[in-house]
């Protein structure tokens, strides 16, 4: 099992994880120039699982064999949520901007904060409602930012036109990705209290890969025959944001509350938006920036409800 790290080490690890996951949308955009979204998602989890397999099946074989039936089922369920998270979120990047997609998908902490008391018995503070309202208001602003403009006031198209727009679809898919990620994190919090990192992510990533491959076959998308550079982007996607970024967050779930871990995801839209501006030349509009600020503020208020004493107690309890 994982040994207890220092608070400084956990903090540095989280910062590294944020930097790693911030590259995800950029690699996805490059891969999507040649490969469909479902192919990108399936390759991301499949390659990550294959890379983990030799280590998981040798060094951690005994721990994998010792898993109870309920633990295996929870791991499979977590992987199912992760598969749907990537299928919906990666698809959203076909229809909306990086900034809109990443900001909406990182509303995950709100859903984690709302469900944690019911599922994990992790107490929420009174500020959750305030934070949620702020974030929802910000989400509404981001959702309309791709269709509306600000010129001495808000100018928007008719509602029917807006709902039929591709940006609206992309924003909705990103929000679905946030809901699926919430389930993934909550289940992971329960399992990571009992499992080492490598067995846990191998089971979860492997299950997610299987689900995505099944979806890929049903959809009729071809899995091979893409440009060589596309496979480079897919490999980088598996190595950097998945194995380094997501695995870092999964590692911290053993020592910190799910709601606290999920708040670290707030850093991703900042890094992704900067990278999108520099590399993809996607400059965020005034409305998008205002909405993002509301969402990030709301997430911070809703999730930052445990003082240092409680956090320290959680770390000790989870040792």
Protein backbone atom coordinates (compact mmCIF):
# COMPACT_ATOMS: atom_id res chain seq x y z
CA UNK A 1 0.00 0.00 0.00
CA UNK A 2 1.06 3.63 -0.43
CA UNK A 3 3.18 5.17 2.34
CA UNK A 4 2.21 8.48 3.90
CA UNK A 5 3.80 11.43 2.01
CA UNK A 6 4.50 14.90 3.35
CA UNK A 7 2.08 17.76 2.69
CA UNK A 8 4.75 19.49 0.56
CA UNK A 9 5.19 16.40 -1.60
CA UNK A 10 1.43 16.11 -2.12
CA UNK A 11 1.23 19.80 -3.09
CA UNK A 12 4.08 19.51 -5.61
CA UNK A 13 2.55 16.35 -7.04
CA UNK A 14 -0.82 18.08 -7.53
CA UNK A 15 0.82 21.02 -9.31
CA UNK A 16 2.62 18.60 -11.61
CA UNK A 17 -0.66 16.81 -12.27
CA UNK A 18 -2.36 20.08 -13.21
CA UNK A 19 0.41 20.91 -15.70
CA UNK A 20 0.13 17.43 -17.22
CA UNK A 21 -3.67 17.44 -17.67
CA UNK A 22 -3.57 20.96 -19.13
CA UNK A 23 -1.93 19.50 -22.26
CA UNK A 24 -4.84 17.11 -22.84
CA UNK A 25 -7.10 19.35 -24.93
CA UNK A 26 -4.17 20.43 -27.12
CA UNK A 27 -3.11 16.86 -27.93
CA UNK A 28 -6.77 15.97 -28.55
CA UNK A 29 -7.25 18.85 -30.99
CA UNK A 30 -4.20 17.77 -33.00
CA UNK A 31 -5.32 14.12 -33.03
CA UNK A 32 -8.86 15.12 -34.06
CA UNK A 33 -7.50 16.56 -37.31
CA UNK A 34 -7.22 12.96 -38.52
CA UNK A 35 -9.07 10.68 -36.06
CA UNK A 36 -12.67 10.76 -34.73
CA UNK A 37 -13.26 11.57 -31.05
CA UNK A 38 -14.21 8.02 -30.06
CA UNK A 39 -10.98 6.73 -31.60
CA UNK A 40 -8.99 9.33 -29.67
CA UNK A 41 -10.69 8.37 -26.40
CA UNK A 42 -10.25 4.63 -26.98
CA UNK A 43 -6.57 4.96 -27.84
CA UNK A 44 -5.92 7.16 -24.82
CA UNK A 45 -7.18 4.59 -22.31
CA UNK A 46 -6.03 1.50 -24.23
CA UNK A 47 -2.44 2.69 -24.58
CA UNK A 48 -2.36 3.78 -20.92
CA UNK A 49 -3.64 0.33 -19.84
CA UNK A 50 -1.13 -1.53 -22.01
CA UNK A 51 1.74 0.52 -20.62
CA UNK A 52 0.60 -0.27 -17.06
CA UNK A 53 -0.04 -3.98 -17.70
CA UNK A 54 3.51 -5.40 -17.28
CA UNK A 55 4.00 -3.66 -13.92
CA UNK A 56 0.48 -4.34 -12.62
CA UNK A 57 0.46 -8.02 -13.61
CA UNK A 58 3.89 -8.80 -12.15
CA UNK A 59 4.68 -6.67 -9.12
CA UNK A 60 1.05 -6.24 -8.02
CA UNK A 61 -0.40 -9.61 -9.06
CA UNK A 62 -1.04 -10.74 -5.48
CA UNK A 63 -2.89 -7.52 -4.63
CA UNK A 64 -5.05 -7.84 -7.73
CA UNK A 65 -5.92 -11.43 -6.81
CA UNK A 66 -6.82 -10.35 -3.26
CA UNK A 67 -9.51 -7.91 -4.44
CA UNK A 68 -12.97 -8.72 -3.21
CA UNK A 69 -15.92 -9.03 -5.55
CA UNK A 70 -17.33 -5.69 -4.39
CA UNK A 71 -13.98 -3.95 -4.95
CA UNK A 72 -13.73 -5.37 -8.46
CA UNK A 73 -17.28 -4.25 -9.24
CA UNK A 74 -16.58 -0.75 -7.92
CA UNK A 75 -13.40 -0.58 -10.01
CA UNK A 76 -15.32 -1.62 -13.11
CA UNK A 77 -18.03 0.95 -12.37
CA UNK A 78 -15.41 3.66 -11.91
CA UNK A 79 -13.89 2.69 -15.26
CA UNK A 80 -17.33 2.84 -16.88
CA UNK A 81 -17.80 6.42 -15.65
CA UNK A 82 -14.29 7.31 -16.84
CA UNK A 83 -15.02 5.92 -20.32
CA UNK A 84 -18.19 8.01 -20.61
CA UNK A 85 -16.30 11.05 -19.29
CA UNK A 86 -13.75 10.87 -22.09
CA UNK A 87 -16.27 9.91 -24.77
CA UNK A 88 -18.41 12.98 -24.05
CA UNK A 89 -15.68 15.49 -23.21
CA UNK A 90 -13.36 14.65 -26.13
CA UNK A 91 -16.37 14.83 -28.46
CA UNK A 92 -17.19 18.29 -27.09
CA UNK A 93 -13.90 19.62 -28.44
CA UNK A 94 -15.20 19.06 -31.97
CA UNK A 95 -18.00 21.56 -31.45
CA UNK A 96 -16.82 24.24 -29.04
CA UNK A 97 -13.64 26.03 -28.03
CA UNK A 98 -11.00 24.65 -25.69
CA UNK A 99 -11.78 27.32 -23.10
CA UNK A 100 -15.54 26.60 -23.03
CA UNK A 101 -15.08 22.82 -23.02
CA UNK A 102 -12.43 22.69 -20.30
CA UNK A 103 -14.14 25.23 -18.04
CA UNK A 104 -17.44 23.33 -18.17
CA UNK A 105 -15.91 19.88 -17.72
CA UNK A 106 -14.08 21.09 -14.62
CA UNK A 107 -17.36 21.83 -12.84
CA UNK A 108 -16.80 18.29 -11.54
CA UNK A 109 -16.05 19.54 -7.98
CA UNK A 110 -19.60 20.87 -7.69
CA UNK A 111 -21.13 17.48 -8.38
CA UNK A 112 -18.57 15.78 -6.14
CA UNK A 113 -19.34 18.23 -3.33
CA UNK A 114 -23.07 17.63 -3.71
CA UNK A 115 -22.83 13.83 -3.78
CA UNK A 116 -19.99 13.24 -1.29
CA UNK A 117 -22.21 13.64 1.82
CA UNK A 118 -24.67 11.04 0.49
CA UNK A 119 -22.13 8.50 -0.76
CA UNK A 120 -18.89 9.13 1.15
CA UNK A 121 -20.27 10.83 4.28
CA UNK A 122 -17.84 13.72 3.75
CA UNK A 123 -19.59 16.72 5.33
CA UNK A 124 -20.28 19.83 3.21
CA UNK A 125 -20.34 23.39 4.53
CA UNK A 126 -23.10 25.94 4.06
CA UNK A 127 -21.13 27.68 1.32
CA UNK A 128 -21.76 24.86 -1.18
CA UNK A 129 -25.08 26.39 -2.31
CA UNK A 130 -23.48 29.82 -2.85
CA UNK A 131 -20.63 28.29 -4.79
CA UNK A 132 -22.97 26.17 -6.89
CA UNK A 133 -25.14 29.16 -7.82
CA UNK A 134 -22.08 31.15 -8.86
CA UNK A 135 -20.75 28.28 -10.94
CA UNK A 136 -24.12 27.65 -12.58
CA UNK A 137 -24.36 31.33 -13.47
CA UNK A 138 -20.87 31.15 -14.92
CA UNK A 139 -21.79 28.02 -16.86
CA UNK A 140 -24.75 29.83 -18.39
CA UNK A 141 -22.49 32.70 -19.44
CA UNK A 142 -19.96 30.33 -21.00
CA UNK A 143 -22.74 28.42 -22.76
CA UNK A 144 -24.00 31.57 -24.51
CA UNK A 145 -20.57 33.10 -25.11
CA UNK A 146 -20.02 31.26 -28.41
CA UNK A 147 -23.34 32.45 -29.85
CA UNK A 148 -23.74 35.89 -28.27
CA UNK A 149 -21.58 39.00 -28.46
CA UNK A 150 -21.11 41.99 -26.18
CA UNK A 151 -21.48 45.30 -28.04
CA UNK A 152 -22.76 47.96 -25.66
CA UNK A 153 -24.96 45.17 -24.34
CA UNK A 154 -25.63 41.48 -24.87
CA UNK A 155 -26.68 40.54 -28.42
CA UNK A 156 -27.93 36.96 -28.88
CA UNK A 157 -29.62 35.00 -31.68
CA UNK A 158 -33.13 33.53 -31.24
CA UNK A 159 -33.33 30.71 -28.69
CA UNK A 160 -34.19 28.08 -31.32
CA UNK A 161 -31.13 29.02 -33.36
CA UNK A 162 -28.92 28.98 -30.29
CA UNK A 163 -30.06 25.52 -29.14
CA UNK A 164 -29.43 24.09 -32.61
CA UNK A 165 -25.92 25.52 -32.70
CA UNK A 166 -22.84 23.32 -32.59
CA UNK A 167 -21.34 25.31 -29.69
CA UNK A 168 -24.37 24.52 -27.54
CA UNK A 169 -23.94 20.81 -28.28
CA UNK A 170 -20.25 21.00 -27.42
CA UNK A 171 -20.94 22.78 -24.16
CA UNK A 172 -23.60 20.20 -23.19
CA UNK A 173 -21.23 17.32 -23.96
CA UNK A 174 -18.56 18.95 -21.79
CA UNK A 175 -21.07 19.24 -18.94
CA UNK A 176 -21.96 15.55 -19.36
CA UNK A 177 -18.24 14.85 -19.09
CA UNK A 178 -18.21 16.68 -15.76
CA UNK A 179 -21.07 14.56 -14.41
CA UNK A 180 -19.32 11.34 -15.44
CA UNK A 181 -16.04 12.51 -13.89
CA UNK A 182 -17.88 13.17 -10.63
CA UNK A 183 -18.91 9.52 -10.42
CA UNK A 184 -15.39 8.42 -11.32
CA UNK A 185 -13.80 10.51 -8.55
CA UNK A 186 -16.32 9.58 -5.85
CA UNK A 187 -15.94 5.85 -6.48
CA UNK A 188 -12.17 6.28 -6.69
CA UNK A 189 -12.10 7.93 -3.28
CA UNK A 190 -13.67 4.83 -1.72
CA UNK A 191 -11.44 2.34 -3.55
CA UNK A 192 -8.18 4.24 -3.12
CA UNK A 193 -8.54 3.93 0.65
CA UNK A 194 -7.99 0.17 0.19
CA UNK A 195 -5.91 -0.22 -2.98
CA UNK A 196 -2.43 0.78 -4.10
CA UNK A 197 -2.20 3.22 -6.99
CA UNK A 198 -1.01 0.90 -9.78
CA UNK A 199 -3.62 -1.86 -9.26
CA UNK A 200 -6.36 0.75 -8.96
CA UNK A 201 -5.57 2.68 -12.13
CA UNK A 202 -4.89 -0.54 -14.05
CA UNK A 203 -8.37 -1.86 -13.23
CA UNK A 204 -10.09 1.47 -13.86
CA UNK A 205 -8.19 2.45 -17.02
CA UNK A 206 -8.52 -1.10 -18.35
CA UNK A 207 -12.28 -1.15 -17.84
CA UNK A 208 -12.61 2.29 -19.44
CA UNK A 209 -10.58 1.08 -22.44
CA UNK A 210 -12.83 -1.98 -22.87
CA UNK A 211 -16.00 0.14 -22.72
CA UNK A 212 -14.61 2.61 -25.27
CA UNK A 213 -13.52 -0.18 -27.61
CA UNK A 214 -17.04 -1.65 -27.46
CA UNK A 215 -18.54 1.77 -28.24
CA UNK A 216 -16.02 2.16 -31.07
CA UNK A 217 -17.02 -1.18 -32.63
CA UNK A 218 -20.74 -0.40 -32.32
CA UNK A 219 -20.25 3.03 -33.91
CA UNK A 220 -18.44 1.49 -36.89
CA UNK A 221 -15.39 3.77 -36.62
CA UNK A 222 -12.13 2.32 -37.95
CA UNK A 223 -9.38 1.87 -35.36
CA UNK A 224 -6.36 1.93 -37.69
CA UNK A 225 -5.17 3.58 -40.88
CA UNK A 226 -4.43 7.09 -39.60
CA UNK A 227 -1.42 9.30 -40.27
CA UNK A 228 1.80 8.45 -38.33
CA UNK A 229 1.76 11.83 -36.58
CA UNK A 230 -1.74 11.09 -35.27
CA UNK A 231 -0.40 8.08 -33.38
CA UNK A 232 2.28 10.31 -31.85
CA UNK A 233 -0.42 12.63 -30.47
CA UNK A 234 -2.38 9.63 -29.18
CA UNK A 235 0.68 8.22 -27.43
CA UNK A 236 1.48 11.60 -25.85
CA UNK A 237 -2.15 11.81 -24.74
CA UNK A 238 -1.83 8.46 -22.96
CA UNK A 239 1.55 9.27 -21.40
CA UNK A 240 1.28 12.88 -20.24
CA UNK A 241 -2.28 13.86 -19.22
CA UNK A 242 -3.44 10.28 -18.53
CA UNK A 243 -0.58 8.35 -16.90
CA UNK A 244 1.07 11.40 -15.33
CA UNK A 245 -1.85 13.79 -14.79
CA UNK A 246 -4.84 11.58 -13.96
CA UNK A 247 -2.71 9.04 -12.11
CA UNK A 248 -1.34 11.81 -9.89
CA UNK A 249 -4.88 12.81 -8.89
CA UNK A 250 -5.75 9.16 -8.28
CA UNK A 251 -2.68 8.85 -6.06
CA UNK A 252 -3.79 11.82 -3.93
CA UNK A 253 -7.24 10.25 -3.41
CA UNK A 254 -5.65 7.89 -0.89
CA UNK A 255 -4.66 10.81 1.35
CA UNK A 256 -7.16 13.63 0.72
CA UNK A 257 -10.98 13.98 0.56
CA UNK A 258 -12.56 13.60 -2.89
CA UNK A 259 -13.90 17.17 -2.78
CA UNK A 260 -10.43 18.54 -2.02
CA UNK A 261 -8.81 16.56 -4.82
CA UNK A 262 -11.47 17.68 -7.28
CA UNK A 263 -10.80 21.36 -6.49
CA UNK A 264 -7.31 20.93 -7.96
CA UNK A 265 -8.98 20.42 -11.34
CA UNK A 266 -9.74 24.15 -11.30
CA UNK A 267 -6.18 24.71 -12.47
CA UNK A 268 -6.74 22.82 -15.73
CA UNK A 269 -8.85 25.42 -17.61
CA UNK A 270 -6.29 28.09 -16.80
CA UNK A 271 -3.42 26.05 -18.21
CA UNK A 272 -5.46 24.77 -21.17
CA UNK A 273 -6.72 28.23 -22.10
CA UNK A 274 -3.17 29.62 -22.07
CA UNK A 275 -1.91 26.73 -24.22
CA UNK A 276 -4.88 27.10 -26.60
CA UNK A 277 -4.13 30.81 -26.99
CA UNK A 278 -0.42 30.24 -27.66
CA UNK A 279 -0.67 27.11 -29.83
CA UNK A 280 -4.17 27.14 -31.36
CA UNK A 281 -4.63 30.93 -31.43
CA UNK A 282 -7.96 30.63 -29.57
CA UNK A 283 -8.36 33.87 -27.65
CA UNK A 284 -11.12 33.81 -24.99
CA UNK A 285 -13.83 36.44 -25.43
CA UNK A 286 -14.98 38.84 -22.74
CA UNK A 287 -18.11 36.78 -22.03
CA UNK A 288 -16.15 33.53 -21.89
CA UNK A 289 -13.62 35.04 -19.50
CA UNK A 290 -16.37 36.43 -17.25
CA UNK A 291 -18.16 33.08 -17.18
CA UNK A 292 -14.93 31.23 -16.43
CA UNK A 293 -14.19 33.54 -13.50
CA UNK A 294 -17.66 32.90 -12.05
CA UNK A 295 -17.29 29.13 -12.44
CA UNK A 296 -13.83 29.00 -10.89
CA UNK A 297 -14.92 31.24 -8.02
CA UNK A 298 -17.98 29.10 -7.43
CA UNK A 299 -15.99 25.88 -7.48
CA UNK A 300 -13.47 27.32 -5.05
CA UNK A 301 -16.17 28.49 -2.63
CA UNK A 302 -18.12 25.23 -2.84
CA UNK A 303 -15.11 22.96 -2.44
CA UNK A 304 -12.94 24.95 -0.04
CA UNK A 305 -15.12 24.15 2.95
CA UNK A 306 -12.74 22.19 5.12
CA UNK A 307 -10.19 23.95 7.25
CA UNK A 308 -6.60 22.76 7.65
CA UNK A 309 -7.44 20.89 10.83
CA UNK A 310 -10.03 18.74 9.10
CA UNK A 311 -7.69 18.13 6.17
CA UNK A 312 -4.93 17.03 8.53
CA UNK A 313 -7.37 14.70 10.29
CA UNK A 314 -8.40 13.18 6.94
CA UNK A 315 -4.75 12.52 6.05
CA UNK A 316 -4.15 10.78 9.38
CA UNK A 317 -7.36 8.74 9.12
CA UNK A 318 -6.51 7.57 5.61
CA UNK A 319 -3.00 6.43 6.57
